[in-house]
Amino acid sequence: MHPEDRVLVAVMSRPRDFEIARDQGWYRVPERTASRGVHFEYVAFYFTGAFGERGWAVHHYARRLGHELATRRELLPDEADHPRAGEHYYKLQLGPLQRRDPPIVSLRWRRVTFIHTTWDRFEAAEEINDLFAEGGEFVDRLFHALRDARLAPERRYPVRESGVDYVVNLAVPCRQGIVVVDVADDAPGSTTPGALRFTHEKLGTDPHGCLQAVRAEVERRGGPSPLPQGVDAPQQAGEDRHK
């Protein structure tokens, strides 16, 4: 295992699919969603609520040994009438499943799409937001500052506005809406509509001011949306969870 090894965190929404991965050593990924191909060394599995108390967390991972392309009907002949039976899937051959202990949890019990990350992030992650690499260094900095301030930020968060669904790199769910934060360079047209916008220069020269601007907007919206009952945010440094 190397820090730069690539890891696909795949959504597992059916216990049967986990049994197949565990007992038969394979997992399927729809070709239509694999825009980056299958260029990764490891596959980890994010359980949805279908897994009860184990849901909304990554408990297992495995080495990818190879892959082949097949239709869903060929992979699951007993589900030949499925609406996507004729669609193509990558059948990923897996090594033995390994336990991720402790599991990587989703603090808000949120749904995610496939996450492409690296082994060093996977190894160090406490919660699902730690896996995301999108947005670069400045998004990383602001995310950790917001989390240290206990504002419970989210990365790659789904937003619905005026009937349109999209995903933003950084957001703070509030009691009265969502504060979307856009971290961008100075190029015009790069701002997400309705977002608080910070340039790289601003974050580099006045990180405290950026944090205070987000905090003020969160307070204006009633404060951070509380986490589900019984869920605690990970302790911070100095105080030190488809188909």
Protein backbone atom coordinates (compact mmCIF):
# COMPACT_ATOMS: atom_id res chain seq x y z
CA MET A 1 0.00 0.00 0.00
CA HIS A 2 1.32 3.43 -0.98
CA PRO A 3 -0.02 6.91 -0.08
CA GLU A 4 -0.74 7.66 -3.75
CA ASP A 5 -2.67 4.42 -4.38
CA ARG A 6 -6.14 5.21 -5.70
CA VAL A 7 -9.29 4.16 -3.86
CA LEU A 8 -12.85 4.06 -5.16
CA VAL A 9 -15.44 4.39 -2.39
CA ALA A 10 -18.50 2.71 -3.87
CA VAL A 11 -22.07 2.98 -2.66
CA MET A 12 -23.49 -0.35 -1.48
CA SER A 13 -27.27 -0.18 -1.12
CA ARG A 14 -28.20 -3.89 -0.94
CA PRO A 15 -27.02 -6.49 1.59
CA ARG A 16 -27.03 -9.04 -1.25
CA ASP A 17 -24.33 -7.05 -3.06
CA PHE A 18 -22.17 -7.18 0.06
CA GLU A 19 -22.64 -10.95 0.27
CA ILE A 20 -21.51 -11.26 -3.36
CA ALA A 21 -18.41 -9.15 -2.69
CA ARG A 22 -17.60 -11.13 0.44
CA ASP A 23 -18.38 -14.65 -0.77
CA GLN A 24 -17.82 -14.48 -4.55
CA GLY A 25 -15.17 -11.77 -4.72
CA TRP A 26 -16.69 -9.30 -7.17
CA TYR A 27 -18.61 -6.04 -7.30
CA ARG A 28 -20.30 -4.23 -10.18
CA VAL A 29 -20.03 -0.60 -11.28
CA PRO A 30 -22.31 0.80 -14.02
CA GLU A 31 -20.29 1.69 -17.10
CA ARG A 32 -22.42 4.83 -17.55
CA THR A 33 -21.24 6.22 -14.19
CA ALA A 34 -17.58 5.26 -14.56
CA SER A 35 -16.47 8.43 -16.34
CA ARG A 36 -12.98 8.05 -14.86
CA GLY A 37 -12.71 4.40 -15.88
CA VAL A 38 -11.57 1.76 -13.41
CA HIS A 39 -8.09 3.07 -12.70
CA PHE A 40 -7.84 2.43 -8.96
CA GLU A 41 -6.08 -0.08 -6.76
CA TYR A 42 -8.66 -0.48 -3.97
CA VAL A 43 -12.43 -0.52 -3.60
CA ALA A 44 -14.15 0.48 -0.34
CA PHE A 45 -17.85 0.13 0.39
CA TYR A 46 -20.13 2.80 1.82
CA PHE A 47 -23.22 1.16 3.33
CA THR A 48 -26.54 2.99 3.01
CA GLY A 49 -29.43 2.83 5.48
CA ALA A 50 -30.36 -0.61 4.11
CA PHE A 51 -27.71 -2.00 6.47
CA GLY A 52 -29.44 -0.76 9.63
CA GLU A 53 -27.10 0.25 12.44
CA ARG A 54 -24.09 -0.33 10.16
CA GLY A 55 -25.45 2.09 7.57
CA TRP A 56 -23.96 5.42 6.50
CA ALA A 57 -20.39 4.23 7.00
CA VAL A 58 -17.45 2.50 5.31
CA HIS A 59 -16.71 -0.78 7.08
CA HIS A 60 -14.81 -2.79 4.45
CA TYR A 61 -12.40 -2.47 1.54
CA ALA A 62 -10.58 -4.81 -0.85
CA ARG A 63 -7.82 -4.83 -3.43
CA ARG A 64 -9.00 -4.66 -7.04
CA LEU A 65 -7.45 -7.60 -8.87
CA GLY A 66 -8.92 -7.01 -12.32
CA HIS A 67 -12.11 -6.27 -14.22
CA GLU A 68 -14.28 -7.26 -17.17
CA LEU A 69 -17.31 -5.76 -18.91
CA ALA A 70 -20.65 -7.59 -18.82
CA THR A 71 -24.36 -6.84 -18.85
CA ARG A 72 -26.30 -6.77 -15.63
CA ARG A 73 -28.30 -9.75 -16.90
CA GLU A 74 -25.09 -11.76 -17.30
CA LEU A 75 -23.94 -10.83 -13.81
CA LEU A 76 -27.31 -11.35 -12.10
CA PRO A 77 -29.29 -13.83 -14.24
CA ASP A 78 -31.94 -14.25 -11.54
CA GLU A 79 -32.77 -10.53 -11.96
CA ALA A 80 -33.18 -10.74 -15.74
CA ASP A 81 -36.29 -8.54 -15.68
CA HIS A 82 -34.53 -5.62 -13.99
CA PRO A 83 -35.01 -2.31 -15.90
CA ARG A 84 -31.23 -2.06 -16.42
CA ALA A 85 -30.67 -5.73 -17.22
CA GLY A 86 -29.28 -4.92 -20.66
CA GLU A 87 -26.87 -2.20 -19.49
CA HIS A 88 -23.14 -2.82 -19.20
CA TYR A 89 -21.30 -2.95 -15.90
CA TYR A 90 -17.68 -3.32 -14.90
CA LYS A 91 -17.31 -6.53 -12.92
CA LEU A 92 -14.49 -5.77 -10.49
CA GLN A 93 -12.60 -8.82 -9.24
CA LEU A 94 -11.70 -8.34 -5.59
CA GLY A 95 -9.25 -9.75 -3.09
CA PRO A 96 -10.43 -10.74 0.41
CA LEU A 97 -12.45 -8.05 2.20
CA GLN A 98 -10.58 -6.17 4.92
CA ARG A 99 -12.21 -4.38 7.84
CA ARG A 100 -11.78 -0.63 8.20
CA ASP A 101 -11.48 -0.22 11.95
CA PRO A 102 -12.82 2.15 13.06
CA PRO A 103 -15.29 2.63 10.21
CA ILE A 104 -15.42 5.92 8.30
CA VAL A 105 -18.79 7.36 9.23
CA SER A 106 -21.13 9.91 7.68
CA LEU A 107 -22.06 12.34 10.42
CA ARG A 108 -25.29 13.38 8.69
CA TRP A 109 -26.22 9.90 7.40
CA ARG A 110 -26.00 11.30 3.90
CA ARG A 111 -26.13 9.65 0.52
CA VAL A 112 -23.07 10.01 -1.65
CA THR A 113 -22.08 9.12 -5.18
CA PHE A 114 -18.85 7.30 -5.93
CA ILE A 115 -15.86 8.94 -4.22
CA HIS A 116 -12.41 8.86 -5.82
CA THR A 117 -9.74 9.30 -3.18
CA THR A 118 -6.22 8.23 -2.26
CA TRP A 119 -4.90 5.70 0.22
CA ASP A 120 -3.40 8.33 2.52
CA ARG A 121 -6.77 10.09 2.80
CA PHE A 122 -8.58 6.78 3.27
CA GLU A 123 -6.17 5.69 5.98
CA ALA A 124 -6.40 8.98 7.91
CA ALA A 125 -10.15 9.64 7.50
CA GLU A 126 -12.39 9.89 10.56
CA GLU A 127 -15.57 10.78 8.67
CA ILE A 128 -16.76 10.73 5.08
CA ASN A 129 -15.84 14.37 4.36
CA ASP A 130 -12.17 13.55 4.94
CA LEU A 131 -12.15 11.42 1.78
CA PHE A 132 -12.96 14.16 -0.73
CA ALA A 133 -10.14 15.66 -2.75
CA GLU A 134 -12.19 17.92 -5.05
CA GLY A 135 -11.54 21.62 -4.72
CA GLY A 136 -7.86 21.46 -3.90
CA GLU A 137 -5.76 22.87 -1.10
CA PHE A 138 -7.82 25.99 -0.39
CA VAL A 139 -11.07 24.06 -0.01
CA ASP A 140 -9.21 21.70 2.33
CA ARG A 141 -8.02 24.63 4.44
CA LEU A 142 -11.43 26.26 4.73
CA PHE A 143 -13.19 22.96 5.40
CA HIS A 144 -10.91 22.19 8.33
CA ALA A 145 -11.22 25.74 9.68
CA LEU A 146 -15.02 25.46 9.58
CA ARG A 147 -14.92 22.05 11.24
CA ASP A 148 -12.55 23.29 13.94
CA ALA A 149 -15.10 26.07 14.57
CA ARG A 150 -17.77 23.34 15.00
CA LEU A 151 -19.89 24.56 12.12
CA ALA A 152 -20.24 20.95 10.82
CA PRO A 153 -19.40 21.66 7.14
CA GLU A 154 -19.98 19.15 4.34
CA ARG A 155 -17.97 18.50 1.18
CA ARG A 156 -19.48 17.49 -2.18
CA TYR A 157 -22.91 18.26 -0.77
CA PRO A 158 -26.12 17.91 -2.83
CA VAL A 159 -28.15 21.10 -3.17
CA ARG A 160 -31.56 21.67 -4.74
CA GLU A 161 -32.41 25.17 -5.92
CA SER A 162 -35.34 26.25 -8.11
CA GLY A 163 -36.01 22.63 -9.02
CA VAL A 164 -32.40 22.01 -10.10
CA ASP A 165 -30.16 19.49 -8.32
CA TYR A 166 -26.40 19.99 -8.22
CA VAL A 167 -23.43 19.26 -5.97
CA VAL A 168 -21.23 21.92 -4.35
CA ASN A 169 -17.69 21.48 -3.08
CA LEU A 170 -18.35 23.04 0.33
CA ALA A 171 -21.50 23.83 2.31
CA VAL A 172 -22.80 24.30 5.84
CA PRO A 173 -26.33 22.92 6.35
CA CYS A 174 -28.23 25.28 8.65
CA ARG A 175 -31.51 25.22 10.53
CA GLN A 176 -32.89 27.56 7.87
CA GLY A 177 -31.33 26.59 4.58
CA ILE A 178 -27.76 25.96 3.42
CA VAL A 179 -24.74 28.22 3.25
CA VAL A 180 -22.87 27.37 0.05
CA VAL A 181 -19.22 28.40 -0.04
CA ASP A 182 -17.45 28.88 -3.36
CA VAL A 183 -13.65 28.80 -3.37
CA ALA A 184 -12.33 29.95 -6.73
CA ASP A 185 -9.66 31.92 -8.50
CA ASP A 186 -10.39 35.40 -9.85
CA ALA A 187 -11.77 34.22 -13.19
CA PRO A 188 -15.18 35.79 -13.91
CA GLY A 189 -18.17 33.45 -14.06
CA SER A 190 -16.71 30.97 -11.59
CA THR A 191 -19.11 31.77 -8.77
CA THR A 192 -21.89 29.41 -7.75
CA PRO A 193 -25.17 31.39 -7.70
CA GLY A 194 -26.06 32.55 -4.18
CA ALA A 195 -22.78 31.35 -2.66
CA LEU A 196 -20.33 33.10 -0.39
CA ARG A 197 -17.28 33.49 -2.61
CA PHE A 198 -13.66 33.57 -1.51
CA THR A 199 -10.67 33.80 -3.81
CA HIS A 200 -7.46 31.92 -3.17
CA GLU A 201 -5.77 35.23 -2.42
CA LYS A 202 -8.42 36.15 0.16
CA LEU A 203 -8.15 32.79 1.89
CA GLY A 204 -4.38 33.05 1.89
CA THR A 205 -4.19 36.57 3.32
CA ASP A 206 -7.26 36.73 5.58
CA PRO A 207 -8.38 33.24 6.62
CA HIS A 208 -9.90 34.56 9.87
CA GLY A 209 -12.03 37.08 7.99
CA CYS A 210 -13.31 34.35 5.65
CA LEU A 211 -14.20 32.16 8.62
CA GLN A 212 -16.03 35.01 10.32
CA ALA A 213 -18.01 35.76 7.14
CA VAL A 214 -19.20 32.14 6.98
CA ARG A 215 -19.98 32.10 10.69
CA ALA A 216 -22.07 35.27 10.39
CA GLU A 217 -24.11 33.81 7.51
CA VAL A 218 -24.61 30.54 9.39
CA GLU A 219 -25.86 32.44 12.43
CA ARG A 220 -28.19 34.47 10.19
CA ARG A 221 -29.71 31.17 9.07
CA GLY A 222 -30.32 29.91 12.60
CA GLY A 223 -27.03 28.15 13.24
CA PRO A 224 -25.69 24.81 12.00
CA SER A 225 -28.23 22.09 11.41
CA PRO A 226 -27.84 19.61 14.29
CA LEU A 227 -26.38 16.18 13.62
CA PRO A 228 -28.62 13.14 14.11
CA GLN A 229 -29.22 12.20 17.73
CA GLY A 230 -26.34 10.23 19.21
CA VAL A 231 -23.81 11.36 16.58
CA ASP A 232 -20.78 13.35 17.71
CA ALA A 233 -18.48 15.30 15.41
CA PRO A 234 -14.87 14.07 15.46
CA GLN A 235 -12.65 15.70 18.04
CA GLN A 236 -10.32 18.32 16.62
CA ALA A 237 -6.63 18.85 17.17
CA GLY A 238 -6.06 20.30 20.61
CA GLU A 239 -9.28 18.64 21.90
CA ASP A 240 -8.61 15.75 20.53
CA ARG A 241 -17.18 9.58 12.71
CA HIS A 242 -27.42 2.33 -6.17
CA LYS A 243 -28.28 0.20 -8.35
